[in-house]
Each structure stands twice: as C-alpha cells, then as structure tokens.
Amino acid sequence: MIKSVFVDPKRLEGIEKSKANHLIVALDGLNQEIWQKLQNLGWNLSICISFIDKDDCPLDPSVKQYLIEKVRKAIEFKPEEIWFDFLRFGGDCTDINEDNATKVHLTCQYCQETFIKNIHGVV
C-alpha cells in the first residue's frame, strides 16, 4: 500500500519516523543536498510544482515560460513523479461559447485573444 505525505523541504525533521513510503516534496526550497537525504530514506520521491497564482493566466507567455523552467528544474532531480498544484486561475475557461462568454477571464489579454480565436475562428 502506498502511504504518501506532502512535505515542505525546509521542514523535514522527523519525517523518517512517519509511516510513509512515498513523499511528494514541494519544489520551492528543494536543493540537491535535501534531495540526497530524502533519497537515502529509500522511499519513492515525487516533486510538486506550484503552478500559478490566482491572478496569473496560464495563457500568458511569461507564465508558460515560468512553468517550463520549474518543470526543467524538477526533472533535474529525477523524481518518480511530478505533480502540479494550484492549476487554476481567476477565470473559468471551461466550455466557453458566445452564450456564456462572461466566464472568460475577461480582464486578461491572453484569454481575450484565445476566446476570439476559438469562438470566431480568427487567427
């Protein structure tokens, strides 16, 4: 049975006493020294990436680049898995059509551009 625990890499004291056999480690604050100590436990190790803040938009090229950089950093540790946390933002981009266009993250130029492309076929 897998027993997972989400951990902050800066607060690991006593983790070896837990009944876990799988750690999901936050990327923020993680370094090679900490990762090596965790590897010495012999448990399955995953990394969790906090995706974006609520006011950011995943369609913004700078946010996309930020995520790519975090994924690259996580891959350097060679984890068993990479988890994405906070994969949400202030708008609602699900099932958008002309009747419910108010759900779009309207204050954002990137959402507006995508909405126009998807609804009106403008490229």
N, C-alpha and C. Protein backbone atom coordinates (compact mmCIF):
# COMPACT_ATOMS: atom_id res chain seq x y z
N MET A 1 0.83 -1.17 0.00
CA MET A 1 0.00 0.00 0.00
C MET A 1 0.89 1.25 0.00
N ILE A 2 0.50 2.21 -0.83
CA ILE A 2 1.25 3.47 -0.88
C ILE A 2 0.74 4.40 0.20
N LYS A 3 1.66 4.93 0.98
CA LYS A 3 1.34 5.89 2.04
C LYS A 3 2.10 7.17 1.72
N SER A 4 1.39 8.13 1.16
CA SER A 4 2.01 9.37 0.70
C SER A 4 1.90 10.48 1.72
N VAL A 5 2.93 11.32 1.73
CA VAL A 5 2.94 12.50 2.57
C VAL A 5 3.49 13.65 1.72
N PHE A 6 2.79 14.79 1.76
CA PHE A 6 3.28 16.00 1.11
C PHE A 6 4.16 16.74 2.10
N VAL A 7 5.38 17.11 1.67
CA VAL A 7 6.30 17.75 2.61
C VAL A 7 6.93 19.01 2.03
N ASP A 8 7.20 19.92 2.93
CA ASP A 8 7.97 21.13 2.63
C ASP A 8 9.43 20.76 2.84
N PRO A 9 10.30 20.96 1.85
CA PRO A 9 11.70 20.55 2.00
C PRO A 9 12.44 21.27 3.13
N LYS A 10 11.86 22.35 3.63
CA LYS A 10 12.50 23.08 4.72
C LYS A 10 12.01 22.61 6.08
N ARG A 11 11.07 21.66 6.09
CA ARG A 11 10.50 21.17 7.35
C ARG A 11 10.44 19.64 7.33
N LEU A 12 11.57 19.02 7.38
CA LEU A 12 11.64 17.56 7.26
C LEU A 12 11.98 16.85 8.56
N GLU A 13 12.16 17.58 9.62
CA GLU A 13 12.56 16.97 10.88
C GLU A 13 11.55 15.89 11.30
N GLY A 14 12.06 14.70 11.53
CA GLY A 14 11.23 13.59 11.99
C GLY A 14 10.49 12.84 10.89
N ILE A 15 10.71 13.21 9.63
CA ILE A 15 9.98 12.57 8.53
C ILE A 15 10.29 11.07 8.47
N GLU A 16 11.48 10.69 8.86
CA GLU A 16 11.86 9.26 8.81
C GLU A 16 11.04 8.42 9.78
N LYS A 17 10.40 9.05 10.76
CA LYS A 17 9.57 8.32 11.73
C LYS A 17 8.14 8.14 11.25
N SER A 18 7.80 8.78 10.15
CA SER A 18 6.43 8.65 9.64
C SER A 18 6.24 7.25 9.06
N LYS A 19 5.02 6.88 8.83
CA LYS A 19 4.72 5.57 8.24
C LYS A 19 4.63 5.66 6.71
N ALA A 20 5.12 6.78 6.16
CA ALA A 20 5.06 7.00 4.72
C ALA A 20 6.06 6.12 3.98
N ASN A 21 5.76 5.88 2.71
CA ASN A 21 6.73 5.23 1.82
C ASN A 21 6.80 5.97 0.49
N HIS A 22 6.13 7.12 0.45
CA HIS A 22 6.09 7.96 -0.75
C HIS A 22 6.00 9.41 -0.31
N LEU A 23 6.98 10.22 -0.72
CA LEU A 23 6.97 11.64 -0.38
C LEU A 23 6.71 12.47 -1.62
N ILE A 24 5.83 13.43 -1.47
CA ILE A 24 5.60 14.44 -2.50
C ILE A 24 6.23 15.71 -1.94
N VAL A 25 7.34 16.12 -2.53
CA VAL A 25 8.16 17.20 -1.99
C VAL A 25 7.92 18.47 -2.80
N ALA A 26 7.63 19.58 -2.11
CA ALA A 26 7.47 20.86 -2.79
C ALA A 26 8.78 21.27 -3.44
N LEU A 27 8.72 21.74 -4.68
CA LEU A 27 9.93 22.15 -5.39
C LEU A 27 10.55 23.40 -4.77
N ASP A 28 9.71 24.31 -4.32
CA ASP A 28 10.23 25.55 -3.72
C ASP A 28 11.03 25.23 -2.47
N GLY A 29 12.30 25.62 -2.46
CA GLY A 29 13.18 25.35 -1.33
C GLY A 29 13.96 24.06 -1.43
N LEU A 30 13.69 23.27 -2.46
CA LEU A 30 14.39 21.99 -2.62
C LEU A 30 15.76 22.22 -3.26
N ASN A 31 16.75 21.50 -2.74
CA ASN A 31 18.09 21.55 -3.34
C ASN A 31 18.66 20.13 -3.36
N GLN A 32 19.81 19.96 -3.99
CA GLN A 32 20.40 18.63 -4.15
C GLN A 32 20.75 17.99 -2.80
N GLU A 33 21.19 18.77 -1.86
CA GLU A 33 21.54 18.23 -0.54
C GLU A 33 20.31 17.62 0.15
N ILE A 34 19.22 18.35 0.14
CA ILE A 34 17.98 17.85 0.74
C ILE A 34 17.49 16.62 -0.01
N TRP A 35 17.54 16.69 -1.34
CA TRP A 35 17.06 15.57 -2.17
C TRP A 35 17.87 14.30 -1.86
N GLN A 36 19.17 14.44 -1.70
CA GLN A 36 20.02 13.29 -1.39
C GLN A 36 19.63 12.67 -0.05
N LYS A 37 19.37 13.51 0.95
CA LYS A 37 18.93 13.00 2.26
C LYS A 37 17.63 12.23 2.12
N LEU A 38 16.72 12.74 1.32
CA LEU A 38 15.44 12.05 1.11
C LEU A 38 15.64 10.74 0.35
N GLN A 39 16.53 10.74 -0.62
CA GLN A 39 16.82 9.51 -1.37
C GLN A 39 17.37 8.43 -0.44
N ASN A 40 18.14 8.83 0.56
CA ASN A 40 18.72 7.88 1.50
C ASN A 40 17.66 7.15 2.32
N LEU A 41 16.45 7.68 2.37
CA LEU A 41 15.35 7.00 3.08
C LEU A 41 14.88 5.76 2.32
N GLY A 42 15.14 5.73 1.01
CA GLY A 42 14.74 4.59 0.20
C GLY A 42 13.27 4.60 -0.18
N TRP A 43 12.62 5.73 -0.09
CA TRP A 43 11.20 5.84 -0.43
C TRP A 43 11.03 6.37 -1.85
N ASN A 44 9.83 6.19 -2.40
CA ASN A 44 9.51 6.80 -3.68
C ASN A 44 9.40 8.30 -3.47
N LEU A 45 10.02 9.06 -4.36
CA LEU A 45 10.04 10.51 -4.22
C LEU A 45 9.43 11.18 -5.44
N SER A 46 8.51 12.09 -5.18
CA SER A 46 7.89 12.89 -6.22
C SER A 46 8.11 14.35 -5.89
N ILE A 47 7.93 15.19 -6.89
CA ILE A 47 8.07 16.64 -6.69
C ILE A 47 6.77 17.31 -7.09
N CYS A 48 6.38 18.29 -6.29
CA CYS A 48 5.17 19.05 -6.57
C CYS A 48 5.57 20.47 -6.97
N ILE A 49 5.01 20.92 -8.07
CA ILE A 49 5.26 22.28 -8.57
C ILE A 49 4.00 23.10 -8.35
N SER A 50 4.15 24.23 -7.65
CA SER A 50 3.05 25.18 -7.55
C SER A 50 2.98 25.91 -8.87
N PHE A 51 1.86 25.79 -9.54
CA PHE A 51 1.74 26.26 -10.92
C PHE A 51 1.69 27.78 -11.02
N ILE A 52 0.59 28.38 -10.68
CA ILE A 52 0.44 29.83 -10.83
C ILE A 52 -0.36 30.41 -9.68
N ASP A 53 -0.24 31.71 -9.51
CA ASP A 53 -1.06 32.43 -8.55
C ASP A 53 -2.43 32.69 -9.17
N LYS A 54 -3.41 33.00 -8.33
CA LYS A 54 -4.78 33.15 -8.81
C LYS A 54 -4.94 34.28 -9.82
N ASP A 55 -4.08 35.27 -9.80
CA ASP A 55 -4.22 36.38 -10.73
C ASP A 55 -3.42 36.20 -12.01
N ASP A 56 -2.63 35.13 -12.09
CA ASP A 56 -1.87 34.85 -13.30
C ASP A 56 -2.75 34.08 -14.28
N CYS A 57 -2.39 34.13 -15.53
CA CYS A 57 -3.14 33.40 -16.56
C CYS A 57 -2.21 32.38 -17.21
N PRO A 58 -2.65 31.13 -17.34
CA PRO A 58 -1.79 30.11 -17.96
C PRO A 58 -1.54 30.36 -19.44
N LEU A 59 -2.29 31.27 -20.05
CA LEU A 59 -2.07 31.59 -21.46
C LEU A 59 -1.02 32.69 -21.67
N ASP A 60 -0.61 33.33 -20.60
CA ASP A 60 0.41 34.38 -20.66
C ASP A 60 1.75 33.72 -20.97
N PRO A 61 2.43 34.15 -22.03
CA PRO A 61 3.71 33.52 -22.38
C PRO A 61 4.74 33.54 -21.26
N SER A 62 4.76 34.58 -20.43
CA SER A 62 5.74 34.62 -19.35
C SER A 62 5.42 33.59 -18.28
N VAL A 63 4.13 33.34 -18.04
CA VAL A 63 3.73 32.31 -17.08
C VAL A 63 4.07 30.93 -17.64
N LYS A 64 3.84 30.75 -18.90
CA LYS A 64 4.18 29.49 -19.56
C LYS A 64 5.68 29.22 -19.44
N GLN A 65 6.49 30.23 -19.68
CA GLN A 65 7.94 30.09 -19.58
C GLN A 65 8.36 29.76 -18.15
N TYR A 66 7.71 30.42 -17.18
CA TYR A 66 7.98 30.17 -15.76
C TYR A 66 7.70 28.71 -15.42
N LEU A 67 6.59 28.18 -15.90
CA LEU A 67 6.26 26.78 -15.66
C LEU A 67 7.28 25.85 -16.30
N ILE A 68 7.67 26.14 -17.52
CA ILE A 68 8.67 25.32 -18.21
C ILE A 68 9.97 25.28 -17.41
N GLU A 69 10.39 26.42 -16.88
CA GLU A 69 11.61 26.47 -16.07
C GLU A 69 11.47 25.62 -14.80
N LYS A 70 10.30 25.68 -14.16
CA LYS A 70 10.09 24.86 -12.96
C LYS A 70 10.10 23.37 -13.29
N VAL A 71 9.50 23.00 -14.41
CA VAL A 71 9.49 21.59 -14.81
C VAL A 71 10.92 21.13 -15.09
N ARG A 72 11.69 21.94 -15.78
CA ARG A 72 13.10 21.59 -16.04
C ARG A 72 13.87 21.39 -14.75
N LYS A 73 13.66 22.29 -13.79
CA LYS A 73 14.35 22.17 -12.51
C LYS A 73 13.93 20.87 -11.80
N ALA A 74 12.64 20.57 -11.83
CA ALA A 74 12.15 19.35 -11.18
C ALA A 74 12.75 18.10 -11.84
N ILE A 75 12.83 18.11 -13.16
CA ILE A 75 13.38 16.96 -13.89
C ILE A 75 14.83 16.69 -13.51
N GLU A 76 15.57 17.73 -13.18
CA GLU A 76 16.98 17.55 -12.78
C GLU A 76 17.12 16.64 -11.56
N PHE A 77 16.10 16.60 -10.71
CA PHE A 77 16.14 15.74 -9.52
C PHE A 77 15.80 14.28 -9.86
N LYS A 78 15.25 14.04 -11.04
CA LYS A 78 14.84 12.70 -11.48
C LYS A 78 13.84 12.05 -10.51
N PRO A 79 12.73 12.74 -10.24
CA PRO A 79 11.72 12.18 -9.34
C PRO A 79 10.92 11.07 -10.02
N GLU A 80 10.23 10.29 -9.22
CA GLU A 80 9.33 9.26 -9.76
C GLU A 80 8.15 9.91 -10.49
N GLU A 81 7.67 11.02 -9.94
CA GLU A 81 6.51 11.72 -10.49
C GLU A 81 6.72 13.22 -10.32
N ILE A 82 6.00 13.98 -11.15
CA ILE A 82 5.92 15.42 -10.96
C ILE A 82 4.44 15.77 -10.86
N TRP A 83 4.09 16.43 -9.78
CA TRP A 83 2.71 16.84 -9.53
C TRP A 83 2.59 18.34 -9.78
N PHE A 84 1.44 18.77 -10.27
CA PHE A 84 1.16 20.19 -10.47
C PHE A 84 0.08 20.62 -9.49
N ASP A 85 0.42 21.59 -8.66
CA ASP A 85 -0.51 22.10 -7.65
C ASP A 85 -0.97 23.50 -8.08
N PHE A 86 -2.14 23.88 -7.64
CA PHE A 86 -2.70 25.20 -7.95
C PHE A 86 -2.85 25.42 -9.44
N LEU A 87 -3.33 24.41 -10.15
CA LEU A 87 -3.55 24.52 -11.58
C LEU A 87 -4.93 25.15 -11.81
N ARG A 88 -5.02 26.41 -11.41
CA ARG A 88 -6.27 27.15 -11.56
C ARG A 88 -5.94 28.64 -11.58
N PHE A 89 -6.89 29.41 -12.01
CA PHE A 89 -6.69 30.85 -12.02
C PHE A 89 -8.04 31.54 -11.91
N GLY A 90 -8.04 32.87 -11.94
CA GLY A 90 -9.23 33.66 -11.64
C GLY A 90 -10.40 33.53 -12.58
N GLY A 91 -10.19 33.06 -13.80
CA GLY A 91 -11.29 32.92 -14.74
C GLY A 91 -11.77 31.48 -14.81
N ASP A 92 -12.72 31.25 -15.69
CA ASP A 92 -13.23 29.90 -15.92
C ASP A 92 -13.23 29.66 -17.42
N CYS A 93 -12.33 28.85 -17.91
CA CYS A 93 -12.18 28.67 -19.35
C CYS A 93 -12.84 27.38 -19.84
N THR A 94 -13.71 26.78 -19.03
CA THR A 94 -14.34 25.53 -19.44
C THR A 94 -15.61 25.81 -20.22
N ASP A 95 -15.78 25.12 -21.32
CA ASP A 95 -17.00 25.17 -22.12
C ASP A 95 -17.41 26.61 -22.45
N ILE A 96 -16.52 27.39 -23.01
CA ILE A 96 -16.82 28.78 -23.34
C ILE A 96 -17.45 28.84 -24.73
N ASN A 97 -18.55 29.53 -24.84
CA ASN A 97 -19.18 29.81 -26.13
C ASN A 97 -19.80 31.20 -26.06
N GLU A 98 -20.42 31.64 -27.13
CA GLU A 98 -20.93 33.02 -27.16
C GLU A 98 -21.99 33.27 -26.09
N ASP A 99 -22.74 32.24 -25.71
CA ASP A 99 -23.80 32.41 -24.70
C ASP A 99 -23.25 32.60 -23.29
N ASN A 100 -22.09 32.05 -23.01
CA ASN A 100 -21.55 32.18 -21.65
C ASN A 100 -20.16 32.82 -21.66
N ALA A 101 -19.94 33.73 -22.57
CA ALA A 101 -18.64 34.37 -22.73
C ALA A 101 -18.20 35.14 -21.49
N THR A 102 -19.14 35.46 -20.61
CA THR A 102 -18.76 36.20 -19.40
C THR A 102 -17.91 35.37 -18.46
N LYS A 103 -17.83 34.06 -18.68
CA LYS A 103 -16.99 33.22 -17.83
C LYS A 103 -15.50 33.40 -18.12
N VAL A 104 -15.19 33.97 -19.27
CA VAL A 104 -13.79 34.12 -19.66
C VAL A 104 -13.09 35.09 -18.71
N HIS A 105 -11.86 34.88 -18.50
CA HIS A 105 -11.00 35.74 -17.70
C HIS A 105 -10.86 37.07 -18.48
N LEU A 106 -11.94 37.85 -18.54
CA LEU A 106 -12.05 38.97 -19.46
C LEU A 106 -11.03 40.08 -19.26
N THR A 107 -10.48 40.19 -18.08
CA THR A 107 -9.50 41.24 -17.84
C THR A 107 -8.15 40.91 -18.45
N CYS A 108 -8.01 39.75 -18.97
CA CYS A 108 -6.71 39.26 -19.45
C CYS A 108 -6.65 39.27 -20.98
N GLN A 109 -5.63 39.92 -21.53
CA GLN A 109 -5.49 39.98 -22.99
C GLN A 109 -5.30 38.61 -23.59
N TYR A 110 -4.66 37.69 -22.88
CA TYR A 110 -4.39 36.36 -23.42
C TYR A 110 -5.67 35.54 -23.52
N CYS A 111 -6.54 35.66 -22.53
CA CYS A 111 -7.83 34.97 -22.58
C CYS A 111 -8.71 35.57 -23.67
N GLN A 112 -8.69 36.89 -23.81
CA GLN A 112 -9.48 37.55 -24.84
C GLN A 112 -9.04 37.09 -26.23
N GLU A 113 -7.74 37.04 -26.46
CA GLU A 113 -7.22 36.61 -27.76
C GLU A 113 -7.62 35.17 -28.06
N THR A 114 -7.50 34.30 -27.06
CA THR A 114 -7.86 32.90 -27.25
C THR A 114 -9.35 32.75 -27.47
N PHE A 115 -10.15 33.51 -26.74
CA PHE A 115 -11.61 33.48 -26.90
C PHE A 115 -11.98 33.87 -28.33
N ILE A 116 -11.39 34.93 -28.81
CA ILE A 116 -11.70 35.42 -30.16
C ILE A 116 -11.32 34.37 -31.18
N LYS A 117 -10.14 33.75 -31.03
CA LYS A 117 -9.70 32.72 -31.97
C LYS A 117 -10.64 31.52 -31.96
N ASN A 118 -11.03 31.06 -30.76
CA ASN A 118 -11.82 29.85 -30.64
C ASN A 118 -13.28 30.04 -31.03
N ILE A 119 -13.86 31.17 -30.70
CA ILE A 119 -15.27 31.40 -30.98
C ILE A 119 -15.49 31.89 -32.42
N HIS A 120 -14.65 32.78 -32.86
CA HIS A 120 -14.87 33.40 -34.17
C HIS A 120 -13.95 32.88 -35.25
N GLY A 121 -13.06 31.98 -34.92
CA GLY A 121 -12.16 31.42 -35.91
C GLY A 121 -11.13 32.40 -36.43
N VAL A 122 -10.89 33.47 -35.69
CA VAL A 122 -9.91 34.47 -36.09
C VAL A 122 -8.52 33.98 -35.71
N VAL A 123 -7.60 34.07 -36.62
CA VAL A 123 -6.24 33.64 -36.33
C VAL A 123 -5.31 34.83 -36.30
